[in-house]
Amino acid sequence: MGPRTDTSASNVGTQTSRGGWARLRAGWRAPRLKWPKRIAGGLALLTLVPLLTVGAVLRASYAGDPGDSTMTRGKDAIWLGHAWVDGRKSEADIAAFARRIHGTGIRDVYVHVGPLEHNGSLPASRSPKARWFLDAMDRRLPGIRVQAWLGDELATEGPRGMRLAEGATRARVVRSGRAVLDTGFEGLHFDLEPLHSGDPHFLSLLDDLGEVTRARHVPLSVAAHQIDPLPALHSVAGKLSGHPKWWSQRFFGQVARRVDQIAVMSYDTGMPLESLYGGYVAEQTELALEVVPDSTDLLMGLPFYHENKIGHREVAETTAAAVRGARLGLGRTDRARKNFGLALYVDFAARPEDWSAYRSGWGSRQ
């Protein structure tokens, strides 16, 4: 038997064609789609509002006049690549480097002599021309202090790497530090990553290394992670991503009190715009100044390299923005501080415009 047909005006079937049924079905589904759309819109708004707020704060932090007194103190540093100690560089390179930094505030160079083995040892074969480099620097740049840059990957986020929890490993790191000082280096600079905030074994290592450097009357220096822009952000980021990018301000201060120099790696921030990056550096400078003792040199890192990757955009993270941000943070927090400088990362990736921005933005000793 075929379908029944009711011609009464009150019956839905008499009011609908094929298109009418489609509209009715669409109308029936609409309430089911409205709530997911509302939820998605709400989530987007919850995400967008904090991002806009953060952006406004960073832009405001990048505004203003840093003032003439926020210029070089002659306490700057630069990271130098391994080529200086493995035979790839010559006397001509040393002469060119001397000309490059003449008149700047650079006092320290961190030359890469590692990496350390995961067990903390350092084979002498890693830097066969170390003694030559030290002698050449002493001839060409007698006022520059040459520190040994030692580092390794830590096994904090994977199965491979150095394990600072092992006392024997820390002891070998200390012995490696003694060995490079015996070679003639005038300080120890450590960069161990990824180093999680609050690591007691790192603090213990610094205590042991400090005994060595104080006995030799040379500085102990570290490359430091950035500070939490918001309280406990490192904990939240660690739980969500497994990579707690930041240190707490408290831990940063604990490290700073154990060393003679602390250089903030204030790059690879993920900022999309130059103004936001400059504001971020200003905020980082202020946070660091609040907890670093006056007796410790605080250096803010400059991006002397050009690449685009997750976490770094070269059009945003510029030398000029970093210099201005550091000056703004210094001027707002501790304008008269003497033990303050900039650290340039890294020599082999720098372009002439980076050097120009550093010189013009931070000033000269001449």
Protein backbone atom coordinates (compact mmCIF):
# COMPACT_ATOMS: atom_id res chain seq x y z
CA MET A 1 0.00 0.00 0.00
CA GLY A 2 1.33 3.41 -0.92
CA PRO A 3 1.81 6.36 1.40
CA ARG A 4 -1.24 8.09 2.69
CA THR A 5 -1.81 11.67 1.52
CA ASP A 6 -3.57 14.15 3.76
CA THR A 7 -4.63 17.35 2.01
CA SER A 8 -5.59 19.22 5.20
CA ALA A 9 -3.79 22.53 5.70
CA SER A 10 -2.90 21.59 9.24
CA ASN A 11 -0.81 18.60 8.24
CA VAL A 12 2.93 19.15 7.84
CA GLY A 13 3.06 16.79 4.89
CA THR A 14 0.78 18.98 2.83
CA GLN A 15 3.05 22.02 3.46
CA THR A 16 6.34 20.50 2.35
CA SER A 17 8.09 19.75 -0.87
CA ARG A 18 11.49 18.05 -1.08
CA GLY A 19 13.14 21.45 -0.37
CA GLY A 20 10.73 22.09 2.49
CA TRP A 21 11.74 18.85 4.18
CA ALA A 22 15.38 19.79 3.78
CA ARG A 23 14.68 23.10 5.46
CA LEU A 24 12.81 21.39 8.26
CA ARG A 25 15.68 18.93 8.78
CA ALA A 26 18.13 21.84 8.76
CA GLY A 27 15.99 23.67 11.27
CA TRP A 28 15.84 20.56 13.45
CA ARG A 29 19.63 20.17 13.41
CA ALA A 30 20.39 23.80 14.12
CA PRO A 31 20.00 23.57 17.92
CA ARG A 32 22.47 20.68 17.92
CA LEU A 33 25.10 22.76 16.08
CA LYS A 34 24.58 26.01 17.95
CA TRP A 35 26.08 24.91 21.27
CA PRO A 36 29.34 23.51 19.82
CA LYS A 37 29.72 26.75 17.90
CA ARG A 38 29.11 28.76 21.03
CA ILE A 39 31.60 26.66 22.99
CA ALA A 40 34.22 26.99 20.25
CA GLY A 41 33.63 30.72 20.11
CA GLY A 42 33.92 30.98 23.86
CA LEU A 43 37.16 29.04 23.91
CA ALA A 44 38.56 31.20 21.14
CA LEU A 45 37.60 34.29 23.11
CA LEU A 46 39.19 32.91 26.28
CA THR A 47 42.38 32.32 24.32
CA LEU A 48 42.31 35.58 22.40
CA VAL A 49 41.69 37.90 25.34
CA PRO A 50 44.78 36.79 27.33
CA LEU A 51 46.92 36.93 24.19
CA LEU A 52 45.73 40.45 23.44
CA THR A 53 46.35 41.43 27.05
CA VAL A 54 49.88 40.01 26.97
CA GLY A 55 50.53 41.75 23.67
CA ALA A 56 49.34 45.08 25.07
CA VAL A 57 51.54 44.68 28.15
CA LEU A 58 54.63 43.85 26.08
CA ARG A 59 54.02 46.71 23.67
CA ALA A 60 53.71 49.08 26.63
CA SER A 61 56.91 47.65 28.09
CA TYR A 62 58.71 48.50 24.84
CA ALA A 63 57.59 52.13 24.95
CA GLY A 64 59.42 55.06 26.46
CA ASP A 65 62.91 56.52 26.52
CA PRO A 66 65.61 54.38 28.15
CA GLY A 67 67.79 57.41 28.88
CA ASP A 68 71.41 58.22 28.13
CA SER A 69 72.68 56.59 31.32
CA THR A 70 71.57 53.13 30.13
CA MET A 71 74.58 52.58 27.92
CA THR A 72 77.55 50.24 27.92
CA ARG A 73 79.39 49.64 31.19
CA GLY A 74 82.25 47.77 29.52
CA LYS A 75 80.96 44.45 30.90
CA ASP A 76 79.75 42.80 27.69
CA ALA A 77 80.57 39.31 26.40
CA ILE A 78 80.38 37.25 23.23
CA TRP A 79 80.04 33.52 22.60
CA LEU A 80 82.68 32.20 20.17
CA GLY A 81 82.34 28.95 18.25
CA HIS A 82 84.57 25.88 18.40
CA ALA A 83 86.52 26.86 15.28
CA TRP A 84 88.76 29.11 17.37
CA VAL A 85 90.29 26.18 19.26
CA ASP A 86 90.23 23.30 16.76
CA GLY A 87 92.61 24.67 14.14
CA ARG A 88 90.22 26.32 11.68
CA LYS A 89 91.12 29.88 12.69
CA SER A 90 94.36 31.77 12.01
CA GLU A 91 96.26 34.82 13.20
CA ALA A 92 94.46 36.80 10.51
CA ASP A 93 91.13 35.82 12.06
CA ILE A 94 92.32 36.98 15.48
CA ALA A 95 93.37 40.32 13.97
CA ALA A 96 89.99 40.72 12.25
CA PHE A 97 88.18 39.89 15.49
CA ALA A 98 90.27 42.47 17.35
CA ARG A 99 89.24 45.11 14.82
CA ARG A 100 85.61 44.02 15.04
CA ILE A 101 85.31 44.50 18.80
CA HIS A 102 87.57 47.53 19.12
CA GLY A 103 85.82 50.30 21.02
CA THR A 104 82.89 48.10 22.13
CA GLY A 105 82.09 47.15 25.71
CA ILE A 106 83.18 43.53 25.23
CA ARG A 107 85.32 42.35 28.14
CA ASP A 108 84.73 38.58 28.11
CA VAL A 109 84.71 35.94 25.39
CA TYR A 110 83.21 32.50 25.98
CA VAL A 111 85.00 30.18 23.57
CA HIS A 112 83.52 26.74 23.07
CA VAL A 113 85.97 24.04 24.17
CA GLY A 114 83.45 21.24 24.74
CA PRO A 115 81.12 19.58 24.52
CA LEU A 116 81.54 17.61 27.69
CA GLU A 117 81.00 13.89 27.59
CA HIS A 118 77.76 12.77 29.21
CA ASN A 119 79.80 11.43 32.14
CA GLY A 120 81.29 14.90 32.75
CA SER A 121 84.74 14.29 31.28
CA LEU A 122 86.39 16.44 28.59
CA PRO A 123 88.88 14.84 26.18
CA ALA A 124 91.87 17.13 25.54
CA SER A 125 91.55 16.30 21.83
CA ARG A 126 88.40 18.44 21.65
CA SER A 127 90.38 21.69 21.57
CA PRO A 128 93.91 21.01 20.24
CA LYS A 129 94.58 24.71 19.50
CA ALA A 130 93.38 26.11 22.83
CA ARG A 131 96.84 27.16 23.95
CA TRP A 132 97.52 28.83 20.59
CA PHE A 133 94.24 30.75 20.85
CA LEU A 134 95.00 31.95 24.38
CA ASP A 135 98.46 33.16 23.38
CA ALA A 136 97.15 34.88 20.26
CA MET A 137 94.40 36.64 22.21
CA ASP A 138 96.90 37.77 24.82
CA ARG A 139 99.04 39.34 22.10
CA ARG A 140 96.23 40.99 20.16
CA LEU A 141 93.68 41.69 22.91
CA PRO A 142 95.45 41.73 26.28
CA GLY A 143 92.48 43.38 28.00
CA ILE A 144 89.99 40.68 27.03
CA ARG A 145 89.25 37.84 29.45
CA VAL A 146 88.96 34.44 27.75
CA GLN A 147 86.65 31.96 29.46
CA ALA A 148 86.15 28.29 28.57
CA TRP A 149 82.60 27.59 27.38
CA LEU A 150 81.61 24.11 28.56
CA GLY A 151 78.24 22.49 28.02
CA ASP A 152 76.25 19.38 27.33
CA GLU A 153 72.72 18.13 26.84
CA LEU A 154 71.08 17.04 30.07
CA ALA A 155 69.00 13.88 30.37
CA THR A 156 66.06 15.81 31.80
CA GLU A 157 63.64 15.25 28.91
CA GLY A 158 64.97 12.10 27.30
CA PRO A 159 67.05 8.98 27.89
CA ARG A 160 70.34 10.44 26.61
CA GLY A 161 72.46 13.15 28.15
CA MET A 162 74.31 14.15 31.29
CA ARG A 163 72.75 13.17 34.61
CA LEU A 164 73.56 15.77 37.25
CA ALA A 165 71.97 13.63 39.95
CA GLU A 166 75.01 11.34 39.76
CA GLY A 167 77.70 12.55 42.13
CA ALA A 168 80.47 10.94 40.07
CA THR A 169 79.35 12.89 37.01
CA ARG A 170 79.42 16.19 38.86
CA ALA A 171 82.88 15.36 40.20
CA ARG A 172 84.15 14.78 36.65
CA VAL A 173 82.67 18.11 35.53
CA VAL A 174 84.66 19.81 38.28
CA ARG A 175 87.82 18.01 37.22
CA SER A 176 87.19 19.08 33.62
CA GLY A 177 86.89 22.66 34.82
CA ARG A 178 90.22 22.42 36.62
CA ALA A 179 91.85 20.99 33.51
CA VAL A 180 90.82 23.87 31.24
CA LEU A 181 91.93 26.39 33.84
CA ASP A 182 95.29 24.63 33.91
CA THR A 183 95.47 25.28 30.16
CA GLY A 184 95.32 28.99 30.85
CA PHE A 185 91.66 29.99 30.53
CA GLU A 186 90.63 32.87 32.74
CA GLY A 187 87.19 31.63 33.73
CA LEU A 188 84.57 28.90 33.36
CA HIS A 189 81.30 29.44 31.52
CA PHE A 190 78.69 26.65 31.68
CA ASP A 191 75.69 26.06 29.45
CA LEU A 192 73.80 22.91 30.43
CA GLU A 193 70.39 22.41 28.81
CA PRO A 194 67.54 21.75 29.24
CA LEU A 195 67.97 22.60 32.90
CA HIS A 196 64.73 22.49 34.86
CA SER A 197 63.91 25.07 37.47
CA GLY A 198 64.74 24.11 41.04
CA ASP A 199 67.34 21.45 40.18
CA PRO A 200 69.28 20.95 43.46
CA HIS A 201 72.05 19.00 41.73
CA PHE A 202 72.89 21.97 39.53
CA LEU A 203 73.14 24.19 42.60
CA SER A 204 75.42 21.62 44.22
CA LEU A 205 77.60 21.57 41.10
CA LEU A 206 77.89 25.36 41.17
CA ASP A 207 78.95 25.24 44.82
CA ASP A 208 81.74 22.81 43.96
CA LEU A 209 82.83 24.76 40.88
CA GLY A 210 82.82 27.98 42.87
CA GLU A 211 85.42 26.59 45.24
CA VAL A 212 87.69 25.94 42.24
CA THR A 213 87.25 29.33 40.57
CA ARG A 214 87.60 31.31 43.81
CA ALA A 215 90.86 29.51 44.54
CA ARG A 216 92.11 30.49 41.05
CA HIS A 217 90.71 34.06 41.31
CA VAL A 218 88.75 33.65 38.06
CA PRO A 219 85.02 34.06 37.37
CA LEU A 220 82.39 31.33 37.30
CA SER A 221 79.75 32.10 34.69
CA VAL A 222 76.53 30.42 33.51
CA ALA A 223 74.10 30.72 30.62
CA ALA A 224 70.66 30.96 32.20
CA HIS A 225 67.15 30.10 31.07
CA GLN A 226 64.55 32.86 30.92
CA ILE A 227 62.48 33.73 33.99
CA ASP A 228 58.79 32.93 34.40
CA PRO A 229 56.82 35.83 32.87
CA LEU A 230 54.00 34.71 35.18
CA PRO A 231 54.39 32.98 38.58
CA ALA A 232 54.65 29.17 38.30
CA LEU A 233 54.40 29.25 34.51
CA HIS A 234 57.37 26.88 34.31
CA SER A 235 55.39 24.28 36.28
CA VAL A 236 52.32 24.59 34.08
CA ALA A 237 54.37 24.51 30.88
CA GLY A 238 56.28 21.49 32.13
CA LYS A 239 53.13 19.52 32.84
CA LEU A 240 51.51 20.40 29.53
CA SER A 241 54.51 20.06 27.22
CA GLY A 242 57.17 18.14 29.14
CA HIS A 243 59.52 21.08 28.50
CA PRO A 244 59.44 23.71 31.26
CA LYS A 245 61.08 26.52 29.30
CA TRP A 246 61.44 29.01 32.13
CA TRP A 247 63.07 29.13 35.55
CA SER A 248 61.24 30.52 38.53
CA GLN A 249 62.54 33.90 39.63
CA ARG A 250 63.51 32.35 42.95
CA PHE A 251 65.65 29.67 41.32
CA PHE A 252 67.22 32.27 39.02
CA GLY A 253 68.27 34.20 42.11
CA GLN A 254 69.68 31.07 43.74
CA VAL A 255 71.86 30.47 40.70
CA ALA A 256 72.92 34.12 40.47
CA ARG A 257 74.13 34.13 44.06
CA ARG A 258 76.48 31.22 43.33
CA VAL A 259 78.22 32.68 40.29
CA ASP A 260 80.15 35.77 39.22
CA GLN A 261 78.30 36.19 35.93
CA ILE A 262 74.89 35.11 34.71
CA ALA A 263 73.99 35.53 31.04
CA VAL A 264 70.29 35.24 30.21
CA MET A 265 69.54 33.42 26.94
CA SER A 266 66.91 36.02 26.07
CA TYR A 267 66.17 34.74 22.58
CA ASP A 268 64.13 31.90 21.04
CA THR A 269 61.08 33.48 22.66
CA GLY A 270 58.47 32.71 20.02
CA MET A 271 57.49 36.38 19.75
CA PRO A 272 55.97 37.24 16.35
CA LEU A 273 56.71 40.98 16.31
CA GLU A 274 59.78 43.09 17.04
CA SER A 275 57.90 45.31 19.49
CA LEU A 276 56.64 42.30 21.45
CA TYR A 277 60.10 40.78 21.56
CA GLY A 278 61.67 44.03 22.73
CA GLY A 279 59.02 44.35 25.44
CA TYR A 280 59.67 40.77 26.49
CA VAL A 281 63.41 41.45 26.85
CA ALA A 282 62.60 44.54 28.93
CA GLU A 283 60.41 42.42 31.22
CA GLN A 284 63.10 39.74 31.50
CA THR A 285 65.69 42.38 32.36
CA GLU A 286 63.52 43.76 35.13
CA LEU A 287 62.78 40.32 36.59
CA ALA A 288 66.48 39.42 36.58
CA LEU A 289 67.60 42.71 38.13
CA GLU A 290 65.21 42.15 41.03
CA VAL A 291 67.04 39.02 42.20
CA VAL A 292 70.64 39.24 40.94
CA PRO A 293 73.05 40.55 43.61
CA ASP A 294 74.93 43.75 42.85
CA SER A 295 78.18 41.79 43.04
CA THR A 296 77.15 39.47 40.18
CA ASP A 297 77.43 40.56 36.55
CA LEU A 298 74.04 40.32 34.82
CA LEU A 299 74.25 40.01 31.03
CA MET A 300 71.23 39.97 28.73
CA GLY A 301 71.68 37.82 25.63
CA LEU A 302 71.40 39.31 22.14
CA PRO A 303 70.39 37.23 19.10
CA PHE A 304 73.40 37.52 16.78
CA TYR A 305 72.00 34.88 14.41
CA HIS A 306 69.40 34.62 11.67
CA GLU A 307 67.04 31.71 11.22
CA ASN A 308 63.36 30.93 11.26
CA LYS A 309 62.14 27.99 13.29
CA ILE A 310 59.59 27.18 15.95
CA GLY A 311 60.23 29.65 18.73
CA HIS A 312 62.36 32.09 16.73
CA ARG A 313 61.52 34.58 13.99
CA GLU A 314 64.43 36.66 12.78
CA VAL A 315 62.22 39.60 11.79
CA ALA A 316 61.01 39.82 15.40
CA GLU A 317 64.08 38.82 17.43
CA THR A 318 66.44 41.51 16.23
CA THR A 319 69.59 42.85 17.84
CA ALA A 320 68.12 46.35 17.88
CA ALA A 321 64.98 45.25 19.74
CA ALA A 322 67.01 43.27 22.30
CA VAL A 323 69.35 46.20 22.98
CA ARG A 324 66.48 48.64 23.40
CA GLY A 325 64.54 46.20 25.59
CA ALA A 326 67.53 45.63 27.88
CA ARG A 327 68.08 49.39 28.20
CA LEU A 328 64.42 49.99 29.03
CA GLY A 329 64.44 47.29 31.71
CA LEU A 330 67.67 48.62 33.18
CA GLY A 331 66.38 52.18 33.24
CA ARG A 332 63.17 51.23 35.03
CA THR A 333 64.69 48.94 37.64
CA ASP A 334 68.30 49.78 38.48
CA ARG A 335 69.59 52.59 36.28
CA ALA A 336 72.79 53.07 38.30
CA ARG A 337 73.80 49.40 38.29
CA LYS A 338 77.39 48.96 37.12
CA ASN A 339 77.63 45.18 36.82
CA PHE A 340 75.38 44.94 33.81
CA GLY A 341 76.05 44.13 30.18
CA LEU A 342 74.99 42.40 27.00
CA ALA A 343 76.06 38.97 25.71
CA LEU A 344 76.23 38.41 21.95
CA TYR A 345 75.21 34.99 20.60
CA VAL A 346 77.01 33.97 18.42
CA ASP A 347 80.11 35.17 16.49
CA PHE A 348 79.93 32.86 13.45
CA ALA A 349 76.30 33.72 12.63
CA ALA A 350 76.49 37.50 13.10
CA ARG A 351 76.01 39.90 10.21
CA PRO A 352 77.43 43.44 9.86
CA GLU A 353 74.01 44.91 10.63
CA ASP A 354 73.96 43.07 13.99
CA TRP A 355 77.28 44.64 14.97
CA SER A 356 76.03 48.05 13.83
CA ALA A 357 72.84 47.75 15.87
CA TYR A 358 74.81 46.68 18.93
CA ARG A 359 77.27 49.57 18.62
CA SER A 360 74.70 52.26 17.86
CA GLY A 361 72.14 51.07 20.39
CA TRP A 362 74.43 50.29 23.32
CA GLY A 363 77.21 52.80 22.76
CA SER A 364 80.98 52.68 22.75
CA ARG A 365 83.73 53.00 25.31
CA GLN A 366 85.44 55.60 23.12
